Amino acid sequence: MKNQLSKLNIFSFKGVQMRTFHITWLMFFVCFFGWFGLAPLMPTIRAELHLTKGQVGNTIIASVAATIIARLIIGKLCDTWGPRKVAVRLLLIGSVPVFLVGLAHDYTSFLLFRLAIGVVGASFVITQFHTSMMFAPNIKGTANAVTGGWGNLGGGVTNMVMPLIFAAIVGFGYTKAEAWRFAMIVPGIMMLIIAYLYYKYTKDTPEGNYDEIGYTKKQTKTDWSILTDWRVWALTIAYAMCFGMEITFDNVASLHFVDSFHLSQSTAGFWAGIFGFMNLFARALGGIVSDKVGKKFGMRGKGLLLAGVLLLEGCGLILFAQSGTLLVAIVSMLSFALFLKMSNGATYGIVPFVNTKNVGMVSGIVGAGGNLGGMMFGFLFKSSAITYVQAFTYIGYTVIAVALIVLITRFQKQPVSNEAFDGAEVLAGEIAR
């Protein structure tokens, strides 16, 4: 690909590459408002719709499960239509259930709306794909880590901002039952604005849109033998433990703070938002440290780093679960959040190297593992026999067990040629983060 940038100046808006860089992370950021906008409002929604703990858990599972399938479809569409068209259409279509979720007046309709809204979580694929189009191999990983992390930041801002929007609407004289419904109109409008910006100011590639330059992706034969490679599955369960826990925490944090520490919905949303704010730097930090460790100690060093940050994430989760005061809970949350998000970046510091001929498939499997982990954790939080405290504890021990699995896994680096980093395979590999 010609005209890709080899340097990343995050303060620049010059050229289609940097315009696309900023618009595409902002797109994922805004989609997080639609995807998780209901999460910090769940204390009110739970009371208004008379939802049981199990029903709340089912809505959390639905919001994550839909994304797994959607990511696979969106990835293929990016190859066929180009990321610009896919982004605009996803934003337009995804805004519909975001606008209309306020029409839900019972558990079933609310569940179906959360399932439909989950599709917008696939915007992450577009962000990674589009960033990969705009940056050269030497900076591609860092650029993807930054756009991914800043996009994920939307989860934190959403937890902070949506309760404030809700409170403002109540301040205008509306009831709480009306306010959460009207509040979801805000992310819907934001998605429409970003759809316009994406259409107006981005291109599929530095040279132009697919239909302008006649771009077609090379077709390569799928090598299913990677499904027998243990290293792939070790990374898959590792990503389930970090990214899977991240999207789960985004969904349940406000409810946990309200129920365990008797905070108001706005205050709970604020502290839950701090968790997401760690994405401002932590995911990128994990990727950068992984690259530096890899240069000095090779793939063994990368594996040890991933095992280490997963171990610290698990310990932090257990401490968070057992927190007797809000102060301890906040400190432990910040600790496990740092290592969790570093684990996200460290996982994808290894992914491109375990099978350089099938980077796309490896990345797709590992990426799906993150959402699958979130879905599985959701079952713990919906159980009537398990408290949230117990669920966090069980997950913490599971993360530690996975850290030990990663520790004994040998991520041997395969020979890498220059071509391996400049073809369609690597491009596909970047999109599933």
Foldseek 3Di string as FASTA:
>chain_A
DPQAAADDDQVDCPAQLNVLLVLLLVLLLLLLCLLLLCQLVVVLVCVQQVPDLLLLLLLLLLLLVLQLVLLVVLLVVCQVFFLLVSLLVCLLQLLVLLLVCLVDRHSVSNSVSSNSNSSSNSSLLSSQLQNCQRHALNCSLLSNLQSNLSSLLSLLVSLQVLVVQLVVVVVVPDDSSNSNNVSSVVSSVVSNVSSVSSNPRHARHSVGHCVVVVDHADDDDDDPVCVVPVVLVLLQLLLLLQLLVVSLLSRCQLVCCCVQVVDDSNVSSNLSSVLSNLSNPQLSVLQVVLVVQCVVPNVLSLLLLLLVLLLQLLVLLLQLLPDNHPVSNSVSSNRNSSSSSSNNNSSVNQQCFLDLVQLLVSLSSSLSSNSVSNSVLSSQSSDPVHHPSRSSNVSSVVSNVSSVVSNPDDSDGDDDDPVSSVHPNVSSNRSSD
